[in-house]
PDB file of N, CA and C in Angstrom:
ATOM      1  N   MET A   1      54.992  14.842   4.299  1.00  0.00           N
ATOM      2  CA  MET A   1      54.245  13.892   3.658  1.00  0.00           C
ATOM      3  C   MET A   1      52.889  13.361   4.778  1.00  0.00           C
ATOM      4  N   LEU A   2      53.273  13.189   6.305  1.00  0.00           N
ATOM      5  CA  LEU A   2      52.478  12.653   7.224  1.00  0.00           C
ATOM      6  C   LEU A   2      51.399  13.917   7.271  1.00  0.00           C
ATOM      7  N   TYR A   3      51.734  14.858   6.965  1.00  0.00           N
ATOM      8  CA  TYR A   3      50.526  16.168   7.435  1.00  0.00           C
ATOM      9  C   TYR A   3      49.549  16.236   6.630  1.00  0.00           C
ATOM     10  N   ARG A   4      49.641  15.287   5.185  1.00  0.00           N
ATOM     11  CA  ARG A   4      48.905  15.471   4.133  1.00  0.00           C
ATOM     12  C   ARG A   4      47.929  13.710   4.411  1.00  0.00           C
ATOM     13  N   VAL A   5      48.177  12.935   4.947  1.00  0.00           N
ATOM     14  CA  VAL A   5      47.369  12.002   5.278  1.00  0.00           C
ATOM     15  C   VAL A   5      46.754  12.017   6.141  1.00  0.00           C
ATOM     16  N   ILE A   6      47.101  12.551   7.600  1.00  0.00           N
ATOM     17  CA  ILE A   6      46.063  12.605   8.830  1.00  0.00           C
ATOM     18  C   ILE A   6      45.118  13.403   7.868  1.00  0.00           C
ATOM     19  N   PRO A   7      45.023  14.181   7.854  1.00  0.00           N
ATOM     20  CA  PRO A   7      43.525  14.799   7.648  1.00  0.00           C
ATOM     21  C   PRO A   7      42.988  14.294   6.029  1.00  0.00           C
ATOM     22  N   LEU A   8      43.541  13.940   5.407  1.00  0.00           N
ATOM     23  CA  LEU A   8      42.659  13.080   4.352  1.00  0.00           C
ATOM     24  C   LEU A   8      41.923  11.582   5.197  1.00  0.00           C
ATOM     25  N   ILE A   9      42.438  11.408   6.141  1.00  0.00           N
ATOM     26  CA  ILE A   9      42.051   9.971   7.083  1.00  0.00           C
ATOM     27  C   ILE A   9      41.125  10.096   7.725  1.00  0.00           C
ATOM     28  N   ALA A  10      41.207  11.484   8.450  1.00  0.00           N
ATOM     29  CA  ALA A  10      39.975  11.957   9.574  1.00  0.00           C
ATOM     30  C   ALA A  10      38.927  12.530   8.248  1.00  0.00           C
ATOM     31  N   VAL A  11      39.043  13.208   7.165  1.00  0.00           N
ATOM     32  CA  VAL A  11      38.033  13.126   6.274  1.00  0.00           C
ATOM     33  C   VAL A  11      37.045  12.084   5.923  1.00  0.00           C
ATOM     34  N   LEU A  12      37.660  11.099   5.493  1.00  0.00           N
ATOM     35  CA  LEU A  12      37.057   9.970   5.278  1.00  0.00           C
ATOM     36  C   LEU A  12      36.537   9.352   6.418  1.00  0.00           C
ATOM     37  N   THR A  13      37.154   9.781   7.538  1.00  0.00           N
ATOM     38  CA  THR A  13      36.188   8.841   8.730  1.00  0.00           C
ATOM     39  C   THR A  13      34.499   9.483   8.815  1.00  0.00           C
ATOM     40  N   LEU A  14      35.087  10.749   9.177  1.00  0.00           N
ATOM     41  CA  LEU A  14      33.574  11.850   9.067  1.00  0.00           C
ATOM     42  C   LEU A  14      32.631  11.388   8.220  1.00  0.00           C
ATOM     43  N   SER A  15      33.262  11.596   6.814  1.00  0.00           N
ATOM     44  CA  SER A  15      32.323  10.923   6.080  1.00  0.00           C
ATOM     45  C   SER A  15      31.458   9.601   5.872  1.00  0.00           C
ATOM     46  N   ALA A  16      32.128   8.592   6.590  1.00  0.00           N
ATOM     47  CA  ALA A  16      31.150   7.585   6.656  1.00  0.00           C
ATOM     48  C   ALA A  16      30.646   7.490   7.623  1.00  0.00           C
ATOM     49  N   CYS A  17      30.129   8.506   8.284  1.00  0.00           N
ATOM     50  CA  CYS A  17      28.874   8.541   9.590  1.00  0.00           C
ATOM     51  C   CYS A  17      27.707   8.161   8.836  1.00  0.00           C
ATOM     52  N   THR A  18      27.092   7.779   9.540  1.00  0.00           N
ATOM     53  CA  THR A  18      25.307   7.258   8.881  1.00  0.00           C
ATOM     54  C   THR A  18      24.721   8.919   8.869  1.00  0.00           C
ATOM     55  N   GLY A  19      24.872   9.574   9.812  1.00  0.00           N
ATOM     56  CA  GLY A  19      24.242  10.988   9.942  1.00  0.00           C
ATOM     57  C   GLY A  19      24.044  11.621   8.308  1.00  0.00           C
ATOM     58  N   TRP A  20      25.053  11.291   7.474  1.00  0.00           N
ATOM     59  CA  TRP A  20      25.195  12.280   6.096  1.00  0.00           C
ATOM     60  C   TRP A  20      24.981  10.931   5.159  1.00  0.00           C
ATOM     61  N   ILE A  21      24.097  10.052   5.102  1.00  0.00           N
ATOM     62  CA  ILE A  21      23.569   8.999   4.351  1.00  0.00           C
ATOM     63  C   ILE A  21      22.386  10.051   3.908  1.00  0.00           C
ATOM     64  N   TYR A  22      21.469   9.936   2.884  1.00  0.00           N
ATOM     65  CA  TYR A  22      20.581   9.977   2.435  1.00  0.00           C
ATOM     66  C   TYR A  22      20.022   8.680   2.072  1.00  0.00           C
ATOM     67  N   ARG A  23      18.594   8.630   2.972  1.00  0.00           N
ATOM     68  CA  ARG A  23      17.603   7.587   2.773  1.00  0.00           C
ATOM     69  C   ARG A  23      16.565   7.687   2.322  1.00  0.00           C
ATOM     70  N   ILE A  24      16.088   7.098   1.078  1.00  0.00           N
ATOM     71  CA  ILE A  24      14.743   7.498   0.175  1.00  0.00           C
ATOM     72  C   ILE A  24      13.234   6.697   0.597  1.00  0.00           C
ATOM     73  N   ASP A  25      12.550   7.480   0.728  1.00  0.00           N
ATOM     74  CA  ASP A  25      10.844   6.959   0.969  1.00  0.00           C
ATOM     75  C   ASP A  25      10.850   5.543   0.081  1.00  0.00           C
ATOM     76  N   ILE A  26      10.319   4.741   0.527  1.00  0.00           N
ATOM     77  CA  ILE A  26       9.748   3.399  -0.069  1.00  0.00           C
ATOM     78  C   ILE A  26       8.493   3.276  -0.308  1.00  0.00           C
ATOM     79  N   PRO A  27       7.350   3.497  -1.065  1.00  0.00           N
ATOM     80  CA  PRO A  27       6.267   2.970  -1.291  1.00  0.00           C
ATOM     81  C   PRO A  27       5.845   1.816  -1.838  1.00  0.00           C
ATOM     82  N   GLN A  28       5.190   0.622  -1.564  1.00  0.00           N
ATOM     83  CA  GLN A  28       5.293  -0.202  -2.075  1.00  0.00           C
ATOM     84  C   GLN A  28       3.669  -0.690  -2.134  1.00  0.00           C
ATOM     85  N   GLY A  29       3.404  -0.894  -3.126  1.00  0.00           N
ATOM     86  CA  GLY A  29       1.635  -1.742  -3.185  1.00  0.00           C
ATOM     87  C   GLY A  29       0.619  -1.053  -3.608  1.00  0.00           C
ATOM     88  N   ASN A  30      -0.555  -1.427  -3.024  1.00  0.00           N
ATOM     89  CA  ASN A  30      -1.723  -0.556  -3.560  1.00  0.00           C
ATOM     90  C   ASN A  30      -1.482   0.587  -2.966  1.00  0.00           C
ATOM     91  N   PHE A  31      -1.813   1.824  -3.247  1.00  0.00           N
ATOM     92  CA  PHE A  31      -2.148   3.055  -2.567  1.00  0.00           C
ATOM     93  C   PHE A  31      -3.783   3.714  -2.739  1.00  0.00           C
ATOM     94  N   LEU A  32      -4.445   3.250  -1.690  1.00  0.00           N
ATOM     95  CA  LEU A  32      -6.060   3.619  -1.879  1.00  0.00           C
ATOM     96  C   LEU A  32      -6.318   4.499  -0.889  1.00  0.00           C
ATOM     97  N   GLU A  33      -7.242   5.530  -1.428  1.00  0.00           N
ATOM     98  CA  GLU A  33      -7.928   6.468  -0.689  1.00  0.00           C
ATOM     99  C   GLU A  33      -9.355   6.277  -0.070  1.00  0.00           C
ATOM    100  N   GLN A  34      -9.524   6.951   0.873  1.00  0.00           N
ATOM    101  CA  GLN A  34     -10.990   6.558   1.552  1.00  0.00           C
ATOM    102  C   GLN A  34     -12.214   6.853   0.715  1.00  0.00           C
ATOM    103  N   LYS A  35     -11.840   7.654  -0.730  1.00  0.00           N
ATOM    104  CA  LYS A  35     -12.910   8.353  -2.277  1.00  0.00           C
ATOM    105  C   LYS A  35     -12.846   7.397  -2.726  1.00  0.00           C
ATOM    106  N   ASP A  36     -12.139   6.376  -2.906  1.00  0.00           N
ATOM    107  CA  ASP A  36     -11.933   4.875  -3.506  1.00  0.00           C
ATOM    108  C   ASP A  36     -12.634   3.986  -3.363  1.00  0.00           C
ATOM    109  N   ILE A  37     -12.923   3.833  -1.936  1.00  0.00           N
ATOM    110  CA  ILE A  37     -13.144   2.943  -0.840  1.00  0.00           C
ATOM    111  C   ILE A  37     -14.781   3.306  -1.282  1.00  0.00           C
ATOM    112  N   ASP A  38     -15.339   4.426  -1.048  1.00  0.00           N
ATOM    113  CA  ASP A  38     -16.631   4.886  -1.096  1.00  0.00           C
ATOM    114  C   ASP A  38     -17.135   4.558  -2.147  1.00  0.00           C
ATOM    115  N   LYS A  39     -16.677   4.494  -3.421  1.00  0.00           N
ATOM    116  CA  LYS A  39     -17.298   3.931  -4.851  1.00  0.00           C
ATOM    117  C   LYS A  39     -17.845   2.539  -4.974  1.00  0.00           C
ATOM    118  N   LEU A  40     -17.343   2.171  -3.879  1.00  0.00           N
ATOM    119  CA  LEU A  40     -17.796   0.118  -4.134  1.00  0.00           C
ATOM    120  C   LEU A  40     -18.976   0.291  -3.346  1.00  0.00           C
ATOM    121  N   GLN A  41     -19.103  -1.053  -4.353  1.00  0.00           N
ATOM    122  CA  GLN A  41     -21.127  -1.496  -3.322  1.00  0.00           C
ATOM    123  C   GLN A  41     -21.105  -2.921  -3.873  1.00  0.00           C
ATOM    124  N   ILE A  42     -21.706  -3.594  -2.671  1.00  0.00           N
ATOM    125  CA  ILE A  42     -22.088  -5.116  -2.844  1.00  0.00           C
ATOM    126  C   ILE A  42     -22.938  -5.284  -4.392  1.00  0.00           C
ATOM    127  N   GLY A  43     -22.498  -6.484  -4.810  1.00  0.00           N
ATOM    128  CA  GLY A  43     -22.922  -6.607  -6.087  1.00  0.00           C
ATOM    129  C   GLY A  43     -21.784  -6.163  -7.034  1.00  0.00           C
ATOM    130  N   MET A  44     -20.995  -5.450  -7.060  1.00  0.00           N
ATOM    131  CA  MET A  44     -20.133  -5.176  -8.052  1.00  0.00           C
ATOM    132  C   MET A  44     -19.471  -6.398  -8.436  1.00  0.00           C
ATOM    133  N   THR A  45     -19.028  -6.059  -9.980  1.00  0.00           N
ATOM    134  CA  THR A  45     -18.298  -7.668 -10.395  1.00  0.00           C
ATOM    135  C   THR A  45     -16.915  -7.020 -10.330  1.00  0.00           C
ATOM    136  N   LYS A  46     -16.292  -8.344 -10.517  1.00  0.00           N
ATOM    137  CA  LYS A  46     -14.743  -8.328 -10.622  1.00  0.00           C
ATOM    138  C   LYS A  46     -14.173  -7.589 -11.560  1.00  0.00           C
ATOM    139  N   GLU A  47     -14.760  -7.180 -12.479  1.00  0.00           N
ATOM    140  CA  GLU A  47     -14.182  -6.096 -13.656  1.00  0.00           C
ATOM    141  C   GLU A  47     -14.266  -4.525 -13.244  1.00  0.00           C
ATOM    142  N   GLN A  48     -15.092  -4.088 -12.410  1.00  0.00           N
ATOM    143  CA  GLN A  48     -15.862  -2.729 -11.808  1.00  0.00           C
ATOM    144  C   GLN A  48     -14.783  -2.689 -10.453  1.00  0.00           C
ATOM    145  N   VAL A  49     -14.584  -3.666  -9.711  1.00  0.00           N
ATOM    146  CA  VAL A  49     -13.684  -3.487  -8.569  1.00  0.00           C
ATOM    147  C   VAL A  49     -12.617  -3.108  -9.008  1.00  0.00           C
ATOM    148  N   LYS A  50     -11.843  -3.810 -10.146  1.00  0.00           N
ATOM    149  CA  LYS A  50     -10.666  -3.564 -10.303  1.00  0.00           C
ATOM    150  C   LYS A  50     -10.384  -2.382 -11.074  1.00  0.00           C
ATOM    151  N   PHE A  51     -11.657  -1.829 -11.986  1.00  0.00           N
ATOM    152  CA  PHE A  51     -11.853  -0.437 -12.336  1.00  0.00           C
ATOM    153  C   PHE A  51     -11.514   0.693 -11.476  1.00  0.00           C
ATOM    154  N   VAL A  52     -11.904   0.680 -10.076  1.00  0.00           N
ATOM    155  CA  VAL A  52     -11.805   1.343  -9.143  1.00  0.00           C
ATOM    156  C   VAL A  52     -11.008   1.206  -8.299  1.00  0.00           C
ATOM    157  N   LEU A  53     -10.298   0.107  -7.884  1.00  0.00           N
ATOM    158  CA  LEU A  53      -9.105   0.132  -7.171  1.00  0.00           C
ATOM    159  C   LEU A  53      -7.548  -0.198  -7.377  1.00  0.00           C
ATOM    160  N   GLY A  54      -8.197  -0.644  -9.051  1.00  0.00           N
ATOM    161  CA  GLY A  54      -6.495  -1.273  -9.834  1.00  0.00           C
ATOM    162  C   GLY A  54      -6.688  -2.743  -9.397  1.00  0.00           C
ATOM    163  N   THR A  55      -5.728  -3.233  -9.831  1.00  0.00           N
ATOM    164  CA  THR A  55      -5.160  -4.727  -9.986  1.00  0.00           C
ATOM    165  C   THR A  55      -4.804  -4.838  -8.570  1.00  0.00           C
ATOM    166  N   PRO A  56      -5.046  -5.867  -7.889  1.00  0.00           N
ATOM    167  CA  PRO A  56      -4.778  -6.536  -6.442  1.00  0.00           C
ATOM    168  C   PRO A  56      -2.966  -6.667  -5.896  1.00  0.00           C
ATOM    169  N   VAL A  57      -2.637  -6.358  -4.986  1.00  0.00           N
ATOM    170  CA  VAL A  57      -1.173  -6.977  -4.812  1.00  0.00           C
ATOM    171  C   VAL A  57      -1.277  -8.216  -4.843  1.00  0.00           C
ATOM    172  N   VAL A  58      -2.006  -8.992  -3.828  1.00  0.00           N
ATOM    173  CA  VAL A  58      -2.233 -10.523  -3.788  1.00  0.00           C
ATOM    174  C   VAL A  58      -3.508 -10.949  -3.952  1.00  0.00           C
ATOM    175  N   THR A  59      -3.776 -12.087  -4.853  1.00  0.00           N
ATOM    176  CA  THR A  59      -4.653 -12.559  -4.580  1.00  0.00           C
ATOM    177  C   THR A  59      -4.839 -14.194  -4.075  1.00  0.00           C
ATOM    178  N   ASP A  60      -5.428 -14.546  -3.217  1.00  0.00           N
ATOM    179  CA  ASP A  60      -5.137 -15.774  -2.755  1.00  0.00           C
ATOM    180  C   ASP A  60      -4.831 -17.143  -3.629  1.00  0.00           C
ATOM    181  N   ALA A  61      -3.789 -17.745  -3.310  1.00  0.00           N
ATOM    182  CA  ALA A  61      -3.384 -18.640  -4.059  1.00  0.00           C
ATOM    183  C   ALA A  61      -4.684 -19.820  -4.264  1.00  0.00           C
ATOM    184  N   PHE A  62      -4.943 -20.044  -2.780  1.00  0.00           N
ATOM    185  CA  PHE A  62      -6.576 -21.131  -2.709  1.00  0.00           C
ATOM    186  C   PHE A  62      -7.881 -20.501  -3.428  1.00  0.00           C
ATOM    187  N   ASN A  63      -7.875 -19.386  -3.157  1.00  0.00           N
ATOM    188  CA  ASN A  63      -9.493 -18.601  -3.572  1.00  0.00           C
ATOM    189  C   ASN A  63      -8.962 -17.516  -4.272  1.00  0.00           C
ATOM    190  N   ASP A  64      -9.610 -17.761  -5.570  1.00  0.00           N
ATOM    191  CA  ASP A  64      -9.391 -16.522  -6.682  1.00  0.00           C
ATOM    192  C   ASP A  64     -10.194 -15.698  -6.567  1.00  0.00           C
ATOM    193  N   ASP A  65     -11.102 -16.259  -5.285  1.00  0.00           N
ATOM    194  CA  ASP A  65     -12.600 -14.865  -4.833  1.00  0.00           C
ATOM    195  C   ASP A  65     -12.123 -14.116  -3.957  1.00  0.00           C
ATOM    196  N   VAL A  66     -10.719 -13.941  -3.327  1.00  0.00           N
ATOM    197  CA  VAL A  66     -10.143 -12.881  -2.455  1.00  0.00           C
ATOM    198  C   VAL A  66      -9.116 -12.301  -2.813  1.00  0.00           C
ATOM    199  N   TRP A  67      -9.100 -10.949  -3.093  1.00  0.00           N
ATOM    200  CA  TRP A  67      -8.536  -9.905  -3.081  1.00  0.00           C
ATOM    201  C   TRP A  67      -8.075  -9.230  -2.104  1.00  0.00           C
ATOM    202  N   HIS A  68      -6.444  -9.258  -1.978  1.00  0.00           N
ATOM    203  CA  HIS A  68      -6.026  -8.379  -0.675  1.00  0.00           C
ATOM    204  C   HIS A  68      -4.944  -7.097  -1.591  1.00  0.00           C
ATOM    205  N   TYR A  69      -5.684  -6.004  -0.860  1.00  0.00           N
ATOM    206  CA  TYR A  69      -4.693  -4.572  -1.575  1.00  0.00           C
ATOM    207  C   TYR A  69      -3.852  -4.171  -0.401  1.00  0.00           C
ATOM    208  N   VAL A  70      -2.823  -4.017  -0.758  1.00  0.00           N
ATOM    209  CA  VAL A  70      -1.954  -4.203   0.643  1.00  0.00           C
ATOM    210  C   VAL A  70      -0.960  -3.150   0.191  1.00  0.00           C
ATOM    211  N   TYR A  71      -0.803  -1.687   0.951  1.00  0.00           N
ATOM    212  CA  TYR A  71       0.207  -0.566   0.584  1.00  0.00           C
ATOM    213  C   TYR A  71       1.251  -0.492   2.214  1.00  0.00           C
ATOM    214  N   ARG A  72       2.378  -0.404   1.685  1.00  0.00           N
ATOM    215  CA  ARG A  72       3.356  -0.160   2.984  1.00  0.00           C
ATOM    216  C   ARG A  72       4.522   0.971   2.480  1.00  0.00           C
ATOM    217  N   PHE A  73       4.268   1.932   3.664  1.00  0.00           N
ATOM    218  CA  PHE A  73       5.044   3.470   3.031  1.00  0.00           C
ATOM    219  C   PHE A  73       6.199   2.911   4.178  1.00  0.00           C
ATOM    220  N   LYS A  74       7.834   2.607   3.604  1.00  0.00           N
ATOM    221  CA  LYS A  74       8.839   2.623   4.641  1.00  0.00           C
ATOM    222  C   LYS A  74       9.466   4.087   4.558  1.00  0.00           C
ATOM    223  N   SER A  75       9.501   4.969   5.563  1.00  0.00           N
ATOM    224  CA  SER A  75      10.073   6.078   5.412  1.00  0.00           C
ATOM    225  C   SER A  75      11.888   6.734   5.623  1.00  0.00           C
ATOM    226  N   GLY A  76      12.234   6.854   4.942  1.00  0.00           N
ATOM    227  CA  GLY A  76      14.128   7.030   4.966  1.00  0.00           C
ATOM    228  C   GLY A  76      14.211   8.269   5.987  1.00  0.00           C
ATOM    229  N   ARG A  77      13.221   8.731   6.401  1.00  0.00           N
ATOM    230  CA  ARG A  77      13.712   9.917   7.456  1.00  0.00           C
ATOM    231  C   ARG A  77      13.452   9.247   8.718  1.00  0.00           C
ATOM    232  N   ASP A  78      12.109   8.718   9.312  1.00  0.00           N
ATOM    233  CA  ASP A  78      11.799   8.868  10.578  1.00  0.00           C
ATOM    234  C   ASP A  78      10.672   7.270  10.628  1.00  0.00           C
ATOM    235  N   GLU A  79      10.978   6.385  11.401  1.00  0.00           N
ATOM    236  CA  GLU A  79      10.124   5.223  11.485  1.00  0.00           C
ATOM    237  C   GLU A  79       9.025   5.690  12.075  1.00  0.00           C
ATOM    238  N   ALA A  80       8.773   6.829  12.507  1.00  0.00           N
ATOM    239  CA  ALA A  80       7.355   7.498  13.274  1.00  0.00           C
ATOM    240  C   ALA A  80       6.454   7.876  11.327  1.00  0.00           C
ATOM    241  N   PHE A  81       7.035   7.798  10.384  1.00  0.00           N
ATOM    242  CA  PHE A  81       6.121   7.720   9.510  1.00  0.00           C
ATOM    243  C   PHE A  81       5.615   6.836   8.723  1.00  0.00           C
ATOM    244  N   ASN A  82       6.428   5.768   8.764  1.00  0.00           N
ATOM    245  CA  ASN A  82       5.716   4.000   8.140  1.00  0.00           C
ATOM    246  C   ASN A  82       4.428   3.763   8.659  1.00  0.00           C
ATOM    247  N   LYS A  83       3.961   3.468   7.140  1.00  0.00           N
ATOM    248  CA  LYS A  83       2.329   2.914   7.257  1.00  0.00           C
ATOM    249  C   LYS A  83       2.354   1.936   6.655  1.00  0.00           C
ATOM    250  N   GLU A  84       1.199   1.206   7.138  1.00  0.00           N
ATOM    251  CA  GLU A  84       1.016   0.046   6.664  1.00  0.00           C
ATOM    252  C   GLU A  84      -0.707   0.037   6.561  1.00  0.00           C
ATOM    253  N   LYS A  85      -1.607  -0.286   5.532  1.00  0.00           N
ATOM    254  CA  LYS A  85      -3.000  -0.570   5.050  1.00  0.00           C
ATOM    255  C   LYS A  85      -3.044  -1.657   4.313  1.00  0.00           C
ATOM    256  N   VAL A  86      -3.935  -2.439   5.008  1.00  0.00           N
ATOM    257  CA  VAL A  86      -4.581  -3.322   4.261  1.00  0.00           C
ATOM    258  C   VAL A  86      -5.819  -3.615   4.363  1.00  0.00           C
ATOM    259  N   PHE A  87      -6.364  -3.954   3.053  1.00  0.00           N
ATOM    260  CA  PHE A  87      -7.750  -4.136   2.595  1.00  0.00           C
ATOM    261  C   PHE A  87      -8.303  -5.158   1.479  1.00  0.00           C
ATOM    262  N   VAL A  88      -9.095  -5.792   2.267  1.00  0.00           N
ATOM    263  CA  VAL A  88      -9.520  -7.075   1.929  1.00  0.00           C
ATOM    264  C   VAL A  88     -10.848  -7.387   0.822  1.00  0.00           C
ATOM    265  N   VAL A  89     -10.904  -7.858  -0.113  1.00  0.00           N
ATOM    266  CA  VAL A  89     -12.066  -7.842  -0.914  1.00  0.00           C
ATOM    267  C   VAL A  89     -12.473  -8.965  -1.072  1.00  0.00           C
ATOM    268  N   SER A  90     -13.739  -9.591  -1.233  1.00  0.00           N
ATOM    269  CA  SER A  90     -14.259 -11.272  -1.262  1.00  0.00           C
ATOM    270  C   SER A  90     -15.476 -11.200  -2.274  1.00  0.00           C
ATOM    271  N   PHE A  91     -15.311 -12.152  -3.102  1.00  0.00           N
ATOM    272  CA  PHE A  91     -16.601 -12.167  -4.159  1.00  0.00           C
ATOM    273  C   PHE A  91     -17.081 -13.574  -4.097  1.00  0.00           C
ATOM    274  N   GLN A  92     -18.318 -13.857  -4.686  1.00  0.00           N
ATOM    275  CA  GLN A  92     -18.828 -14.900  -4.595  1.00  0.00           C
ATOM    276  C   GLN A  92     -19.653 -14.928  -5.976  1.00  0.00           C
ATOM    277  N   GLU A  93     -19.278 -15.903  -6.841  1.00  0.00           N
ATOM    278  CA  GLU A  93     -19.813 -15.863  -8.218  1.00  0.00           C
ATOM    279  C   GLU A  93     -19.889 -14.753  -9.038  1.00  0.00           C
ATOM    280  N   ASN A  94     -18.514 -14.044  -8.925  1.00  0.00           N
ATOM    281  CA  ASN A  94     -18.394 -13.123  -9.628  1.00  0.00           C
ATOM    282  C   ASN A  94     -18.660 -11.711  -8.903  1.00  0.00           C
ATOM    283  N   LYS A  95     -19.271 -11.913  -7.992  1.00  0.00           N
ATOM    284  CA  LYS A  95     -19.799 -10.741  -7.174  1.00  0.00           C
ATOM    285  C   LYS A  95     -19.023 -10.155  -6.157  1.00  0.00           C
ATOM    286  N   LEU A  96     -18.846  -9.169  -5.812  1.00  0.00           N
ATOM    287  CA  LEU A  96     -18.674  -8.578  -4.893  1.00  0.00           C
ATOM    288  C   LEU A  96     -19.480  -8.697  -3.490  1.00  0.00           C
ATOM    289  N   THR A  97     -19.389  -9.423  -2.418  1.00  0.00           N
ATOM    290  CA  THR A  97     -20.107  -9.599  -1.233  1.00  0.00           C
ATOM    291  C   THR A  97     -19.487  -9.054  -0.231  1.00  0.00           C
ATOM    292  N   LYS A  98     -18.399  -8.912   0.114  1.00  0.00           N
ATOM    293  CA  LYS A  98     -17.669  -8.385   1.636  1.00  0.00           C
ATOM    294  C   LYS A  98     -16.272  -7.755   0.955  1.00  0.00           C
ATOM    295  N   ALA A  99     -16.055  -6.573   2.006  1.00  0.00           N
ATOM    296  CA  ALA A  99     -14.789  -5.825   2.254  1.00  0.00           C
ATOM    297  C   ALA A  99     -14.927  -5.285   3.900  1.00  0.00           C
ATOM    298  N   GLU A 100     -13.637  -5.454   3.794  1.00  0.00           N
ATOM    299  CA  GLU A 100     -13.200  -5.371   5.274  1.00  0.00           C
ATOM    300  C   GLU A 100     -11.375  -4.750   5.320  1.00  0.00           C
ATOM    301  N   GLY A 101     -11.197  -3.796   6.171  1.00  0.00           N
ATOM    302  CA  GLY A 101      -9.751  -3.654   6.078  1.00  0.00           C
ATOM    303  C   GLY A 101      -9.644  -2.028   7.084  1.00  0.00           C
ATOM    304  N   ASP A 102      -8.582  -1.380   6.517  1.00  0.00           N
ATOM    305  CA  ASP A 102      -8.221  -0.316   7.315  1.00  0.00           C
ATOM    306  C   ASP A 102      -8.723   0.809   7.099  1.00  0.00           C
ATOM    307  N   PHE A 103      -9.916   0.365   6.325  1.00  0.00           N
ATOM    308  CA  PHE A 103     -10.655   1.749   5.443  1.00  0.00           C
ATOM    309  C   PHE A 103     -12.165   1.613   6.162  1.00  0.00           C
ATOM    310  N   GLU A 104     -13.081   2.420   6.195  1.00  0.00           N
ATOM    311  CA  GLU A 104     -14.569   2.721   6.816  1.00  0.00           C
ATOM    312  C   GLU A 104     -15.297   2.322   5.401  1.00  0.00           C
ATOM    313  N   LEU A 105     -16.330   1.692   5.585  1.00  0.00           N
ATOM    314  CA  LEU A 105     -16.863   1.341   4.359  1.00  0.00           C
ATOM    315  C   LEU A 105     -18.262   2.228   4.480  1.00  0.00           C
ATOM    316  N   PRO A 106     -18.420   3.274   3.502  1.00  0.00           N
ATOM    317  CA  PRO A 106     -19.302   3.586   3.233  1.00  0.00           C
ATOM    318  C   PRO A 106     -20.867   3.233   3.681  1.00  0.00           C
ATOM    319  N   GLU A 107     -22.009   3.860   3.855  1.00  0.00           N
ATOM    320  CA  GLU A 107     -23.716   3.292   3.891  1.00  0.00           C
ATOM    321  C   GLU A 107     -23.758   2.490   2.818  1.00  0.00           C
ATOM    322  N   SER A 108     -23.643   3.233   1.783  1.00  0.00           N
ATOM    323  CA  SER A 108     -24.195   3.497   0.281  1.00  0.00           C
ATOM    324  C   SER A 108     -23.402   1.989  -0.307  1.00  0.00           C
ATOM    325  N   PHE A 109     -22.217   1.366   0.247  1.00  0.00           N
ATOM    326  CA  PHE A 109     -21.437  -0.191   0.161  1.00  0.00           C
ATOM    327  C   PHE A 109     -22.821  -1.330   0.317  1.00  0.00           C
ATOM    328  N   TYR A 110     -23.775  -1.280   1.115  1.00  0.00           N
ATOM    329  CA  TYR A 110     -24.183  -2.238   1.622  1.00  0.00           C
ATOM    330  C   TYR A 110     -26.056  -1.931   0.160  1.00  0.00           C
ATOM    331  N   ASN A 111     -26.123  -0.920  -0.309  1.00  0.00           N
ATOM    332  CA  ASN A 111     -26.874  -0.812  -1.480  1.00  0.00           C
ATOM    333  C   ASN A 111     -26.491  -1.810  -2.456  1.00  0.00           C
ATOM    334  N   PRO A 112     -27.194  -2.910  -3.033  1.00  0.00           N
ATOM    335  CA  PRO A 112     -26.703  -3.708  -3.743  1.00  0.00           C
ATOM    336  C   PRO A 112     -26.628  -2.802  -5.004  1.00  0.00           C
ATOM    337  N   ILE A 113     -26.047  -3.441  -6.332  1.00  0.00           N
ATOM    338  CA  ILE A 113     -25.790  -2.391  -7.414  1.00  0.00           C
ATOM    339  C   ILE A 113     -26.304  -3.351  -8.476  1.00  0.00           C
ATOM    340  N   VAL A 114     -27.284  -2.906  -9.304  1.00  0.00           N
ATOM    341  CA  VAL A 114     -27.816  -3.967 -10.424  1.00  0.00           C
ATOM    342  C   VAL A 114     -27.068  -3.897 -11.382  1.00  0.00           C
ATOM    343  N   ASN A 115     -26.848  -5.097 -12.009  1.00  0.00           N
ATOM    344  CA  ASN A 115     -25.830  -5.076 -13.408  1.00  0.00           C
ATOM    345  C   ASN A 115     -26.936  -5.756 -14.153  1.00  0.00           C
ATOM    346  N   ASP A 116     -26.711  -5.161 -15.477  1.00  0.00           N
ATOM    347  CA  ASP A 116     -27.433  -6.086 -16.173  1.00  0.00           C
ATOM    348  C   ASP A 116     -26.963  -6.952 -17.288  1.00  0.00           C
TER     349      ASP A 116
END
């Protein structure tokens, strides 16, 4: 009986090692690409920005005219693959006035869009 229990205990102990556990990648938030940011222009309405970038993850609780687009990626394999990107857009009188964050704004951003 003892010769059956000892191998069973050894197998269960070895299978509990953390190297055998599969960890998944966890993406959270708004995944934005530079091509999305390239479509933005000063003067766009909130609806137009929402169409281009999607609904923001965070809207400022004290100022409805500031939207935060946040993306976090936690790798299940290695912490070297972890990413975090933040992009903030600001509005004044329902028009886009400012954008800043981890993306480069195109030169066309500063050309005001004409809304009818």
